[in-house]
PDB file of N, CA and C in Angstrom:
ATOM      1  N   MET A   1     -90.188 -33.365  59.245  1.00  0.00           N
ATOM      2  CA  MET A   1     -89.994 -34.727  59.744  1.00  0.00           C
ATOM      3  C   MET A   1     -88.897 -35.443  59.036  1.00  0.00           C
ATOM      4  N   LYS A   2     -88.737 -35.171  57.723  1.00  0.00           N
ATOM      5  CA  LYS A   2     -87.687 -35.773  56.903  1.00  0.00           C
ATOM      6  C   LYS A   2     -86.307 -35.330  57.389  1.00  0.00           C
ATOM      7  N   PHE A   3     -86.187 -34.039  57.811  1.00  0.00           N
ATOM      8  CA  PHE A   3     -84.912 -33.564  58.334  1.00  0.00           C
ATOM      9  C   PHE A   3     -84.542 -34.358  59.592  1.00  0.00           C
ATOM     10  N   PHE A   4     -85.503 -34.567  60.509  1.00  0.00           N
ATOM     11  CA  PHE A   4     -85.220 -35.275  61.736  1.00  0.00           C
ATOM     12  C   PHE A   4     -84.835 -36.715  61.445  1.00  0.00           C
ATOM     13  N   ALA A   5     -85.501 -37.354  60.518  1.00  0.00           N
ATOM     14  CA  ALA A   5     -85.141 -38.735  60.181  1.00  0.00           C
ATOM     15  C   ALA A   5     -83.767 -38.815  59.585  1.00  0.00           C
ATOM     16  N   ARG A   6     -83.408 -37.876  58.728  1.00  0.00           N
ATOM     17  CA  ARG A   6     -82.080 -37.835  58.105  1.00  0.00           C
ATOM     18  C   ARG A   6     -81.002 -37.586  59.183  1.00  0.00           C
ATOM     19  N   TRP A   7     -81.280 -36.683  60.090  1.00  0.00           N
ATOM     20  CA  TRP A   7     -80.324 -36.415  61.153  1.00  0.00           C
ATOM     21  C   TRP A   7     -80.171 -37.656  62.040  1.00  0.00           C
ATOM     22  N   LEU A   8     -81.222 -38.348  62.336  1.00  0.00           N
ATOM     23  CA  LEU A   8     -81.135 -39.562  63.182  1.00  0.00           C
ATOM     24  C   LEU A   8     -80.328 -40.641  62.485  1.00  0.00           C
ATOM     25  N   VAL A   9     -80.492 -40.806  61.201  1.00  0.00           N
ATOM     26  CA  VAL A   9     -79.750 -41.801  60.451  1.00  0.00           C
ATOM     27  C   VAL A   9     -78.256 -41.432  60.438  1.00  0.00           C
ATOM     28  N   ASN A  10     -77.925 -40.177  60.242  1.00  0.00           N
ATOM     29  CA  ASN A  10     -76.512 -39.738  60.283  1.00  0.00           C
ATOM     30  C   ASN A  10     -75.953 -39.914  61.672  1.00  0.00           C
ATOM     31  N   ALA A  11     -76.724 -39.606  62.669  1.00  0.00           N
ATOM     32  CA  ALA A  11     -76.249 -39.771  64.062  1.00  0.00           C
ATOM     33  C   ALA A  11     -75.951 -41.218  64.347  1.00  0.00           C
ATOM     34  N   ALA A  12     -76.804 -42.110  63.849  1.00  0.00           N
ATOM     35  CA  ALA A  12     -76.578 -43.553  64.042  1.00  0.00           C
ATOM     36  C   ALA A  12     -75.293 -44.012  63.358  1.00  0.00           C
ATOM     37  N   GLY A  13     -75.020 -43.476  62.193  1.00  0.00           N
ATOM     38  CA  GLY A  13     -73.800 -43.787  61.470  1.00  0.00           C
ATOM     39  C   GLY A  13     -72.539 -43.370  62.254  1.00  0.00           C
ATOM     40  N   PHE A  14     -72.594 -42.141  62.780  1.00  0.00           N
ATOM     41  CA  PHE A  14     -71.454 -41.655  63.540  1.00  0.00           C
ATOM     42  C   PHE A  14     -71.301 -42.447  64.841  1.00  0.00           C
ATOM     43  N   PHE A  15     -72.403 -42.771  65.473  1.00  0.00           N
ATOM     44  CA  PHE A  15     -72.360 -43.589  66.691  1.00  0.00           C
ATOM     45  C   PHE A  15     -71.702 -44.928  66.448  1.00  0.00           C
ATOM     46  N   ALA A  16     -72.062 -45.565  65.358  1.00  0.00           N
ATOM     47  CA  ALA A  16     -71.445 -46.867  64.983  1.00  0.00           C
ATOM     48  C   ALA A  16     -69.977 -46.712  64.706  1.00  0.00           C
ATOM     49  N   ALA A  17     -69.600 -45.692  64.004  1.00  0.00           N
ATOM     50  CA  ALA A  17     -68.193 -45.475  63.667  1.00  0.00           C
ATOM     51  C   ALA A  17     -67.376 -45.222  64.933  1.00  0.00           C
ATOM     52  N   ILE A  18     -67.880 -44.457  65.841  1.00  0.00           N
ATOM     53  CA  ILE A  18     -67.115 -44.173  67.049  1.00  0.00           C
ATOM     54  C   ILE A  18     -66.935 -45.429  67.895  1.00  0.00           C
ATOM     55  N   LEU A  19     -67.913 -46.282  67.891  1.00  0.00           N
ATOM     56  CA  LEU A  19     -67.800 -47.527  68.727  1.00  0.00           C
ATOM     57  C   LEU A  19     -66.997 -48.616  68.047  1.00  0.00           C
ATOM     58  N   VAL A  20     -66.987 -48.688  66.712  1.00  0.00           N
ATOM     59  CA  VAL A  20     -66.395 -49.840  66.018  1.00  0.00           C
ATOM     60  C   VAL A  20     -64.995 -49.561  65.466  1.00  0.00           C
ATOM     61  N   VAL A  21     -64.748 -48.417  64.896  1.00  0.00           N
ATOM     62  CA  VAL A  21     -63.473 -48.174  64.165  1.00  0.00           C
ATOM     63  C   VAL A  21     -62.335 -47.918  65.154  1.00  0.00           C
ATOM     64  N   PRO A  22     -61.253 -48.679  65.014  1.00  0.00           N
ATOM     65  CA  PRO A  22     -60.093 -48.426  65.851  1.00  0.00           C
ATOM     66  C   PRO A  22     -59.376 -47.114  65.346  1.00  0.00           C
ATOM     67  N   GLY A  23     -58.865 -46.338  66.294  1.00  0.00           N
ATOM     68  CA  GLY A  23     -58.227 -45.128  65.979  1.00  0.00           C
ATOM     69  C   GLY A  23     -59.114 -43.897  66.198  1.00  0.00           C
ATOM     70  N   ILE A  24     -60.353 -44.160  66.579  1.00  0.00           N
ATOM     71  CA  ILE A  24     -61.273 -43.067  66.923  1.00  0.00           C
ATOM     72  C   ILE A  24     -61.471 -43.158  68.417  1.00  0.00           C
ATOM     73  N   THR A  25     -61.047 -42.140  69.132  1.00  0.00           N
ATOM     74  CA  THR A  25     -61.093 -42.135  70.562  1.00  0.00           C
ATOM     75  C   THR A  25     -61.976 -41.024  71.059  1.00  0.00           C
ATOM     76  N   THR A  26     -62.658 -41.241  72.152  1.00  0.00           N
ATOM     77  CA  THR A  26     -63.459 -40.221  72.766  1.00  0.00           C
ATOM     78  C   THR A  26     -63.000 -39.993  74.190  1.00  0.00           C
ATOM     79  N   ALA A  27     -63.326 -38.845  74.699  1.00  0.00           N
ATOM     80  CA  ALA A  27     -63.083 -38.499  76.101  1.00  0.00           C
ATOM     81  C   ALA A  27     -64.385 -38.603  76.847  1.00  0.00           C
ATOM     82  N   ALA A  28     -65.252 -39.471  76.410  1.00  0.00           N
ATOM     83  CA  ALA A  28     -66.593 -39.589  76.961  1.00  0.00           C
ATOM     84  C   ALA A  28     -66.539 -40.081  78.381  1.00  0.00           C
ATOM     85  N   GLN A  29     -67.232 -39.359  79.244  1.00  0.00           N
ATOM     86  CA  GLN A  29     -67.296 -39.779  80.662  1.00  0.00           C
ATOM     87  C   GLN A  29     -68.540 -40.615  80.897  1.00  0.00           C
ATOM     88  N   SER A  30     -69.547 -40.452  80.001  1.00  0.00           N
ATOM     89  CA  SER A  30     -70.787 -41.229  80.165  1.00  0.00           C
ATOM     90  C   SER A  30     -71.329 -41.545  78.783  1.00  0.00           C
ATOM     91  N   ARG A  31     -72.399 -42.323  78.774  1.00  0.00           N
ATOM     92  CA  ARG A  31     -73.056 -42.598  77.500  1.00  0.00           C
ATOM     93  C   ARG A  31     -73.688 -41.358  76.907  1.00  0.00           C
ATOM     94  N   TRP A  32     -74.084 -40.406  77.713  1.00  0.00           N
ATOM     95  CA  TRP A  32     -74.670 -39.150  77.209  1.00  0.00           C
ATOM     96  C   TRP A  32     -73.662 -38.369  76.391  1.00  0.00           C
ATOM     97  N   ASP A  33     -72.374 -38.424  76.724  1.00  0.00           N
ATOM     98  CA  ASP A  33     -71.364 -37.724  75.934  1.00  0.00           C
ATOM     99  C   ASP A  33     -71.346 -38.317  74.517  1.00  0.00           C
ATOM    100  N   ILE A  34     -71.454 -39.633  74.375  1.00  0.00           N
ATOM    101  CA  ILE A  34     -71.458 -40.277  73.077  1.00  0.00           C
ATOM    102  C   ILE A  34     -72.740 -39.833  72.315  1.00  0.00           C
ATOM    103  N   VAL A  35     -73.837 -39.748  73.042  1.00  0.00           N
ATOM    104  CA  VAL A  35     -75.064 -39.261  72.401  1.00  0.00           C
ATOM    105  C   VAL A  35     -74.899 -37.856  71.895  1.00  0.00           C
ATOM    106  N   PHE A  36     -74.284 -36.943  72.676  1.00  0.00           N
ATOM    107  CA  PHE A  36     -74.051 -35.592  72.263  1.00  0.00           C
ATOM    108  C   PHE A  36     -73.113 -35.557  71.047  1.00  0.00           C
ATOM    109  N   ILE A  37     -72.090 -36.420  71.044  1.00  0.00           N
ATOM    110  CA  ILE A  37     -71.203 -36.494  69.895  1.00  0.00           C
ATOM    111  C   ILE A  37     -72.004 -36.877  68.648  1.00  0.00           C
ATOM    112  N   ALA A  38     -72.852 -37.879  68.766  1.00  0.00           N
ATOM    113  CA  ALA A  38     -73.651 -38.320  67.604  1.00  0.00           C
ATOM    114  C   ALA A  38     -74.604 -37.210  67.172  1.00  0.00           C
ATOM    115  N   VAL A  39     -75.101 -36.423  68.126  1.00  0.00           N
ATOM    116  CA  VAL A  39     -76.030 -35.318  67.801  1.00  0.00           C
ATOM    117  C   VAL A  39     -75.264 -34.263  66.957  1.00  0.00           C
ATOM    118  N   VAL A  40     -74.091 -33.866  67.457  1.00  0.00           N
ATOM    119  CA  VAL A  40     -73.312 -32.841  66.749  1.00  0.00           C
ATOM    120  C   VAL A  40     -72.878 -33.360  65.394  1.00  0.00           C
ATOM    121  N   ALA A  41     -72.416 -34.601  65.364  1.00  0.00           N
ATOM    122  CA  ALA A  41     -71.942 -35.149  64.098  1.00  0.00           C
ATOM    123  C   ALA A  41     -73.082 -35.337  63.111  1.00  0.00           C
ATOM    124  N   GLY A  42     -74.204 -35.739  63.600  1.00  0.00           N
ATOM    125  CA  GLY A  42     -75.388 -35.856  62.701  1.00  0.00           C
ATOM    126  C   GLY A  42     -75.834 -34.512  62.161  1.00  0.00           C
ATOM    127  N   LEU A  43     -75.811 -33.497  63.010  1.00  0.00           N
ATOM    128  CA  LEU A  43     -76.217 -32.139  62.524  1.00  0.00           C
ATOM    129  C   LEU A  43     -75.225 -31.586  61.520  1.00  0.00           C
ATOM    130  N   VAL A  44     -73.903 -31.824  61.766  1.00  0.00           N
ATOM    131  CA  VAL A  44     -72.891 -31.400  60.792  1.00  0.00           C
ATOM    132  C   VAL A  44     -73.117 -32.057  59.450  1.00  0.00           C
ATOM    133  N   ASN A  45     -73.340 -33.359  59.484  1.00  0.00           N
ATOM    134  CA  ASN A  45     -73.498 -34.118  58.237  1.00  0.00           C
ATOM    135  C   ASN A  45     -74.837 -33.803  57.557  1.00  0.00           C
ATOM    136  N   THR A  46     -75.849 -33.461  58.303  1.00  0.00           N
ATOM    137  CA  THR A  46     -77.150 -33.185  57.759  1.00  0.00           C
ATOM    138  C   THR A  46     -77.260 -31.735  57.224  1.00  0.00           C
ATOM    139  N   VAL A  47     -76.654 -30.791  57.902  1.00  0.00           N
ATOM    140  CA  VAL A  47     -76.782 -29.401  57.540  1.00  0.00           C
ATOM    141  C   VAL A  47     -75.650 -28.952  56.602  1.00  0.00           C
ATOM    142  N   ILE A  48     -74.406 -29.154  57.023  1.00  0.00           N
ATOM    143  CA  ILE A  48     -73.267 -28.664  56.284  1.00  0.00           C
ATOM    144  C   ILE A  48     -72.895 -29.572  55.113  1.00  0.00           C
ATOM    145  N   GLY A  49     -73.096 -30.901  55.296  1.00  0.00           N
ATOM    146  CA  GLY A  49     -72.738 -31.862  54.268  1.00  0.00           C
ATOM    147  C   GLY A  49     -73.336 -31.602  52.901  1.00  0.00           C
ATOM    148  N   PRO A  50     -74.680 -31.426  52.793  1.00  0.00           N
ATOM    149  CA  PRO A  50     -75.219 -31.181  51.446  1.00  0.00           C
ATOM    150  C   PRO A  50     -74.783 -29.874  50.831  1.00  0.00           C
ATOM    151  N   ILE A  51     -74.558 -28.861  51.650  1.00  0.00           N
ATOM    152  CA  ILE A  51     -74.051 -27.579  51.130  1.00  0.00           C
ATOM    153  C   ILE A  51     -72.639 -27.749  50.557  1.00  0.00           C
ATOM    154  N   PHE A  52     -71.794 -28.446  51.343  1.00  0.00           N
ATOM    155  CA  PHE A  52     -70.427 -28.684  50.963  1.00  0.00           C
ATOM    156  C   PHE A  52     -70.386 -29.526  49.682  1.00  0.00           C
ATOM    157  N   LYS A  53     -71.220 -30.555  49.625  1.00  0.00           N
ATOM    158  CA  LYS A  53     -71.211 -31.416  48.435  1.00  0.00           C
ATOM    159  C   LYS A  53     -71.796 -30.731  47.210  1.00  0.00           C
ATOM    160  N   PHE A  54     -72.715 -29.806  47.422  1.00  0.00           N
ATOM    161  CA  PHE A  54     -73.267 -29.050  46.310  1.00  0.00           C
ATOM    162  C   PHE A  54     -72.179 -28.153  45.681  1.00  0.00           C
ATOM    163  N   PHE A  55     -71.439 -27.495  46.479  1.00  0.00           N
ATOM    164  CA  PHE A  55     -70.400 -26.574  45.926  1.00  0.00           C
ATOM    165  C   PHE A  55     -69.214 -27.309  45.407  1.00  0.00           C
ATOM    166  N   THR A  56     -69.015 -28.558  45.760  1.00  0.00           N
ATOM    167  CA  THR A  56     -67.883 -29.301  45.261  1.00  0.00           C
ATOM    168  C   THR A  56     -68.322 -30.339  44.176  1.00  0.00           C
ATOM    169  N   PHE A  57     -69.523 -30.137  43.631  1.00  0.00           N
ATOM    170  CA  PHE A  57     -70.060 -31.028  42.620  1.00  0.00           C
ATOM    171  C   PHE A  57     -69.120 -31.246  41.419  1.00  0.00           C
ATOM    172  N   PRO A  58     -68.421 -30.196  40.970  1.00  0.00           N
ATOM    173  CA  PRO A  58     -67.508 -30.394  39.796  1.00  0.00           C
ATOM    174  C   PRO A  58     -66.456 -31.469  40.132  1.00  0.00           C
ATOM    175  N   PHE A  59     -65.969 -31.517  41.378  1.00  0.00           N
ATOM    176  CA  PHE A  59     -65.016 -32.539  41.757  1.00  0.00           C
ATOM    177  C   PHE A  59     -65.653 -33.946  41.728  1.00  0.00           C
ATOM    178  N   VAL A  60     -66.903 -33.991  42.139  1.00  0.00           N
ATOM    179  CA  VAL A  60     -67.643 -35.294  42.122  1.00  0.00           C
ATOM    180  C   VAL A  60     -67.738 -35.752  40.672  1.00  0.00           C
ATOM    181  N   PHE A  61     -68.053 -34.846  39.808  1.00  0.00           N
ATOM    182  CA  PHE A  61     -68.209 -35.193  38.382  1.00  0.00           C
ATOM    183  C   PHE A  61     -66.911 -35.626  37.750  1.00  0.00           C
ATOM    184  N   LEU A  62     -65.839 -34.884  38.033  1.00  0.00           N
ATOM    185  CA  LEU A  62     -64.540 -35.159  37.465  1.00  0.00           C
ATOM    186  C   LEU A  62     -63.924 -36.436  37.986  1.00  0.00           C
ATOM    187  N   THR A  63     -64.169 -36.803  39.258  1.00  0.00           N
ATOM    188  CA  THR A  63     -63.625 -38.004  39.795  1.00  0.00           C
ATOM    189  C   THR A  63     -64.562 -39.201  39.792  1.00  0.00           C
ATOM    190  N   LEU A  64     -65.692 -39.025  39.096  1.00  0.00           N
ATOM    191  CA  LEU A  64     -66.675 -40.097  38.933  1.00  0.00           C
ATOM    192  C   LEU A  64     -67.210 -40.585  40.284  1.00  0.00           C
ATOM    193  N   GLY A  65     -67.373 -39.662  41.239  1.00  0.00           N
ATOM    194  CA  GLY A  65     -67.969 -39.987  42.512  1.00  0.00           C
ATOM    195  C   GLY A  65     -66.998 -40.228  43.620  1.00  0.00           C
ATOM    196  N   LEU A  66     -65.677 -40.382  43.311  1.00  0.00           N
ATOM    197  CA  LEU A  66     -64.696 -40.649  44.354  1.00  0.00           C
ATOM    198  C   LEU A  66     -64.613 -39.497  45.326  1.00  0.00           C
ATOM    199  N   TRP A  67     -64.866 -38.312  44.873  1.00  0.00           N
ATOM    200  CA  TRP A  67     -64.780 -37.127  45.725  1.00  0.00           C
ATOM    201  C   TRP A  67     -65.783 -37.225  46.908  1.00  0.00           C
ATOM    202  N   LEU A  68     -66.893 -37.897  46.741  1.00  0.00           N
ATOM    203  CA  LEU A  68     -67.906 -38.065  47.809  1.00  0.00           C
ATOM    204  C   LEU A  68     -67.298 -38.742  49.032  1.00  0.00           C
ATOM    205  N   LEU A  69     -66.428 -39.699  48.820  1.00  0.00           N
ATOM    206  CA  LEU A  69     -65.751 -40.334  49.962  1.00  0.00           C
ATOM    207  C   LEU A  69     -64.822 -39.336  50.637  1.00  0.00           C
ATOM    208  N   ILE A  70     -64.125 -38.552  49.858  1.00  0.00           N
ATOM    209  CA  ILE A  70     -63.241 -37.510  50.443  1.00  0.00           C
ATOM    210  C   ILE A  70     -64.074 -36.455  51.158  1.00  0.00           C
ATOM    211  N   ALA A  71     -65.188 -36.092  50.581  1.00  0.00           N
ATOM    212  CA  ALA A  71     -66.085 -35.105  51.272  1.00  0.00           C
ATOM    213  C   ALA A  71     -66.609 -35.679  52.559  1.00  0.00           C
ATOM    214  N   ASN A  72     -66.960 -36.923  52.592  1.00  0.00           N
ATOM    215  CA  ASN A  72     -67.395 -37.592  53.827  1.00  0.00           C
ATOM    216  C   ASN A  72     -66.303 -37.630  54.868  1.00  0.00           C
ATOM    217  N   MET A  73     -65.077 -37.859  54.422  1.00  0.00           N
ATOM    218  CA  MET A  73     -63.936 -37.852  55.338  1.00  0.00           C
ATOM    219  C   MET A  73     -63.754 -36.478  55.954  1.00  0.00           C
ATOM    220  N   ILE A  74     -63.902 -35.446  55.143  1.00  0.00           N
ATOM    221  CA  ILE A  74     -63.795 -34.038  55.632  1.00  0.00           C
ATOM    222  C   ILE A  74     -64.883 -33.756  56.652  1.00  0.00           C
ATOM    223  N   MET A  75     -66.108 -34.146  56.339  1.00  0.00           N
ATOM    224  CA  MET A  75     -67.225 -33.952  57.280  1.00  0.00           C
ATOM    225  C   MET A  75     -67.018 -34.727  58.578  1.00  0.00           C
ATOM    226  N   PHE A  76     -66.506 -35.925  58.472  1.00  0.00           N
ATOM    227  CA  PHE A  76     -66.232 -36.761  59.681  1.00  0.00           C
ATOM    228  C   PHE A  76     -65.198 -36.061  60.567  1.00  0.00           C
ATOM    229  N   TRP A  77     -64.119 -35.613  59.939  1.00  0.00           N
ATOM    230  CA  TRP A  77     -63.065 -34.951  60.677  1.00  0.00           C
ATOM    231  C   TRP A  77     -63.623 -33.644  61.293  1.00  0.00           C
ATOM    232  N   PHE A  78     -64.407 -32.881  60.544  1.00  0.00           N
ATOM    233  CA  PHE A  78     -64.925 -31.591  61.031  1.00  0.00           C
ATOM    234  C   PHE A  78     -65.864 -31.819  62.203  1.00  0.00           C
ATOM    235  N   ALA A  79     -66.697 -32.839  62.144  1.00  0.00           N
ATOM    236  CA  ALA A  79     -67.614 -33.167  63.226  1.00  0.00           C
ATOM    237  C   ALA A  79     -66.818 -33.481  64.506  1.00  0.00           C
ATOM    238  N   GLY A  80     -65.740 -34.221  64.373  1.00  0.00           N
ATOM    239  CA  GLY A  80     -64.905 -34.504  65.544  1.00  0.00           C
ATOM    240  C   GLY A  80     -64.221 -33.252  66.106  1.00  0.00           C
ATOM    241  N   TYR A  81     -63.756 -32.422  65.200  1.00  0.00           N
ATOM    242  CA  TYR A  81     -63.115 -31.157  65.618  1.00  0.00           C
ATOM    243  C   TYR A  81     -64.114 -30.287  66.341  1.00  0.00           C
ATOM    244  N   LEU A  82     -65.295 -30.098  65.761  1.00  0.00           N
ATOM    245  CA  LEU A  82     -66.316 -29.240  66.319  1.00  0.00           C
ATOM    246  C   LEU A  82     -66.772 -29.735  67.707  1.00  0.00           C
ATOM    247  N   GLY A  83     -67.033 -31.055  67.787  1.00  0.00           N
ATOM    248  CA  GLY A  83     -67.422 -31.635  69.079  1.00  0.00           C
ATOM    249  C   GLY A  83     -66.315 -31.494  70.122  1.00  0.00           C
ATOM    250  N   HIS A  84     -65.064 -31.678  69.685  1.00  0.00           N
ATOM    251  CA  HIS A  84     -63.928 -31.547  70.579  1.00  0.00           C
ATOM    252  C   HIS A  84     -63.838 -30.127  71.119  1.00  0.00           C
ATOM    253  N   GLU A  85     -64.088 -29.168  70.272  1.00  0.00           N
ATOM    254  CA  GLU A  85     -64.036 -27.738  70.715  1.00  0.00           C
ATOM    255  C   GLU A  85     -65.215 -27.450  71.670  1.00  0.00           C
ATOM    256  N   MET A  86     -66.317 -28.190  71.568  1.00  0.00           N
ATOM    257  CA  MET A  86     -67.423 -28.016  72.467  1.00  0.00           C
ATOM    258  C   MET A  86     -67.252 -28.765  73.755  1.00  0.00           C
ATOM    259  N   GLY A  87     -66.236 -29.645  73.830  1.00  0.00           N
ATOM    260  CA  GLY A  87     -65.931 -30.337  75.064  1.00  0.00           C
ATOM    261  C   GLY A  87     -66.358 -31.812  75.145  1.00  0.00           C
ATOM    262  N   PHE A  88     -66.942 -32.321  74.083  1.00  0.00           N
ATOM    263  CA  PHE A  88     -67.352 -33.730  74.172  1.00  0.00           C
ATOM    264  C   PHE A  88     -67.165 -34.458  72.834  1.00  0.00           C
ATOM    265  N   GLY A  89     -66.162 -34.078  72.130  1.00  0.00           N
ATOM    266  CA  GLY A  89     -65.954 -34.673  70.779  1.00  0.00           C
ATOM    267  C   GLY A  89     -65.111 -35.928  70.790  1.00  0.00           C
ATOM    268  N   PHE A  90     -64.679 -36.258  69.645  1.00  0.00           N
ATOM    269  CA  PHE A  90     -63.848 -37.397  69.436  1.00  0.00           C
ATOM    270  C   PHE A  90     -62.637 -37.008  68.646  1.00  0.00           C
ATOM    271  N   THR A  91     -61.574 -37.770  68.727  1.00  0.00           N
ATOM    272  CA  THR A  91     -60.357 -37.509  67.927  1.00  0.00           C
ATOM    273  C   THR A  91     -60.157 -38.680  66.966  1.00  0.00           C
ATOM    274  N   VAL A  92     -59.691 -38.330  65.842  1.00  0.00           N
ATOM    275  CA  VAL A  92     -59.435 -39.361  64.811  1.00  0.00           C
ATOM    276  C   VAL A  92     -57.924 -39.396  64.577  1.00  0.00           C
ATOM    277  N   ASN A  93     -57.348 -40.562  64.784  1.00  0.00           N
ATOM    278  CA  ASN A  93     -55.893 -40.735  64.711  1.00  0.00           C
ATOM    279  C   ASN A  93     -55.501 -41.262  63.385  1.00  0.00           C
ATOM    280  N   GLY A  94     -55.221 -40.406  62.427  1.00  0.00           N
ATOM    281  CA  GLY A  94     -54.674 -40.798  61.152  1.00  0.00           C
ATOM    282  C   GLY A  94     -55.687 -40.921  60.016  1.00  0.00           C
ATOM    283  N   PHE A  95     -55.064 -41.121  58.853  1.00  0.00           N
ATOM    284  CA  PHE A  95     -55.829 -41.161  57.584  1.00  0.00           C
ATOM    285  C   PHE A  95     -56.790 -42.372  57.585  1.00  0.00           C
ATOM    286  N   TRP A  96     -56.286 -43.539  57.963  1.00  0.00           N
ATOM    287  CA  TRP A  96     -57.098 -44.755  57.820  1.00  0.00           C
ATOM    288  C   TRP A  96     -58.274 -44.752  58.802  1.00  0.00           C
ATOM    289  N   ALA A  97     -58.070 -44.221  59.974  1.00  0.00           N
ATOM    290  CA  ALA A  97     -59.221 -44.128  60.896  1.00  0.00           C
ATOM    291  C   ALA A  97     -60.282 -43.165  60.359  1.00  0.00           C
ATOM    292  N   THR A  98     -59.859 -42.075  59.739  1.00  0.00           N
ATOM    293  CA  THR A  98     -60.791 -41.145  59.100  1.00  0.00           C
ATOM    294  C   THR A  98     -61.499 -41.814  57.953  1.00  0.00           C
ATOM    295  N   PHE A  99     -60.733 -42.519  57.156  1.00  0.00           N
ATOM    296  CA  PHE A  99     -61.274 -43.261  55.974  1.00  0.00           C
ATOM    297  C   PHE A  99     -62.323 -44.255  56.430  1.00  0.00           C
ATOM    298  N   LEU A 100     -61.954 -45.102  57.381  1.00  0.00           N
ATOM    299  CA  LEU A 100     -62.878 -46.177  57.841  1.00  0.00           C
ATOM    300  C   LEU A 100     -64.084 -45.596  58.555  1.00  0.00           C
ATOM    301  N   GLY A 101     -63.891 -44.514  59.326  1.00  0.00           N
ATOM    302  CA  GLY A 101     -64.975 -43.831  59.977  1.00  0.00           C
ATOM    303  C   GLY A 101     -66.003 -43.261  59.012  1.00  0.00           C
ATOM    304  N   ALA A 102     -65.482 -42.568  57.988  1.00  0.00           N
ATOM    305  CA  ALA A 102     -66.363 -42.023  56.971  1.00  0.00           C
ATOM    306  C   ALA A 102     -67.073 -43.123  56.159  1.00  0.00           C
ATOM    307  N   LEU A 103     -66.337 -44.209  55.907  1.00  0.00           N
ATOM    308  CA  LEU A 103     -66.904 -45.316  55.191  1.00  0.00           C
ATOM    309  C   LEU A 103     -68.022 -45.963  56.037  1.00  0.00           C
ATOM    310  N   MET A 104     -67.818 -46.100  57.344  1.00  0.00           N
ATOM    311  CA  MET A 104     -68.794 -46.660  58.240  1.00  0.00           C
ATOM    312  C   MET A 104     -70.057 -45.764  58.279  1.00  0.00           C
ATOM    313  N   VAL A 105     -69.824 -44.437  58.391  1.00  0.00           N
ATOM    314  CA  VAL A 105     -70.971 -43.533  58.388  1.00  0.00           C
ATOM    315  C   VAL A 105     -71.768 -43.659  57.099  1.00  0.00           C
ATOM    316  N   SER A 106     -71.071 -43.740  55.983  1.00  0.00           N
ATOM    317  CA  SER A 106     -71.776 -43.879  54.669  1.00  0.00           C
ATOM    318  C   SER A 106     -72.572 -45.171  54.601  1.00  0.00           C
ATOM    319  N   ILE A 107     -71.969 -46.272  55.027  1.00  0.00           N
ATOM    320  CA  ILE A 107     -72.660 -47.551  54.932  1.00  0.00           C
ATOM    321  C   ILE A 107     -73.866 -47.582  55.876  1.00  0.00           C
ATOM    322  N   VAL A 108     -73.700 -47.212  57.112  1.00  0.00           N
ATOM    323  CA  VAL A 108     -74.761 -47.267  58.096  1.00  0.00           C
ATOM    324  C   VAL A 108     -75.882 -46.281  57.698  1.00  0.00           C
ATOM    325  N   SER A 109     -75.513 -45.107  57.234  1.00  0.00           N
ATOM    326  CA  SER A 109     -76.530 -44.142  56.808  1.00  0.00           C
ATOM    327  C   SER A 109     -77.287 -44.634  55.585  1.00  0.00           C
ATOM    328  N   SER A 110     -76.587 -45.273  54.674  1.00  0.00           N
ATOM    329  CA  SER A 110     -77.275 -45.808  53.487  1.00  0.00           C
ATOM    330  C   SER A 110     -78.270 -46.891  53.888  1.00  0.00           C
ATOM    331  N   ILE A 111     -77.836 -47.833  54.713  1.00  0.00           N
ATOM    332  CA  ILE A 111     -78.733 -48.931  55.146  1.00  0.00           C
ATOM    333  C   ILE A 111     -79.935 -48.388  55.877  1.00  0.00           C
ATOM    334  N   PHE A 112     -79.693 -47.594  56.900  1.00  0.00           N
ATOM    335  CA  PHE A 112     -80.852 -47.064  57.668  1.00  0.00           C
ATOM    336  C   PHE A 112     -81.687 -46.126  56.831  1.00  0.00           C
ATOM    337  N   GLY A 113     -81.083 -45.339  55.945  1.00  0.00           N
ATOM    338  CA  GLY A 113     -81.862 -44.500  55.055  1.00  0.00           C
ATOM    339  C   GLY A 113     -82.800 -45.281  54.155  1.00  0.00           C
ATOM    340  N   LYS A 114     -82.319 -46.411  53.639  1.00  0.00           N
ATOM    341  CA  LYS A 114     -83.137 -47.234  52.789  1.00  0.00           C
ATOM    342  C   LYS A 114     -84.284 -47.884  53.618  1.00  0.00           C
ATOM    343  N   LEU A 115     -83.975 -48.283  54.848  1.00  0.00           N
ATOM    344  CA  LEU A 115     -85.001 -48.877  55.675  1.00  0.00           C
ATOM    345  C   LEU A 115     -86.080 -47.901  56.039  1.00  0.00           C
ATOM    346  N   ILE A 116     -85.704 -46.635  56.294  1.00  0.00           N
ATOM    347  CA  ILE A 116     -86.662 -45.633  56.673  1.00  0.00           C
ATOM    348  C   ILE A 116     -87.496 -45.232  55.424  1.00  0.00           C
ATOM    349  N   SER A 117     -86.880 -45.102  54.288  1.00  0.00           N
ATOM    350  CA  SER A 117     -87.613 -44.667  53.096  1.00  0.00           C
ATOM    351  C   SER A 117     -88.531 -45.801  52.582  1.00  0.00           C
ATOM    352  N   ALA A 118     -88.171 -47.048  52.874  1.00  0.00           N
ATOM    353  CA  ALA A 118     -89.000 -48.190  52.443  1.00  0.00           C
ATOM    354  C   ALA A 118     -90.270 -48.305  53.271  1.00  0.00           C
ATOM    355  N   ARG A 119     -90.316 -47.627  54.353  1.00  0.00           N
ATOM    356  CA  ARG A 119     -91.461 -47.688  55.286  1.00  0.00           C
ATOM    357  C   ARG A 119     -92.641 -47.000  54.719  1.00  0.00           C
TER     358      ARG A 119
END
């Protein structure tokens, strides 16, 4: 159940970033395409994200946590690439769109994660 809640929180973060951040475009034909994008992005961030962050922990330690933002940017870009290869992804145009998208995912995931865990 915790995995599903974590995935749902991450998917909500990606959904918010796709809708709000300029420079992130989708080829979505319907709302279901955006839902599928959020599903793929949430799964990437839920499954691959912790593994990636575990193996790059020395960078997190050396940069006093700044690497986590870079890791989130890489996960955000990878989710878009993977979804695009599957036919319903999003494209990120430039560094700042990736930065703001990853920041949006982090903020929304943190807020929703705190709300769910406080329950």
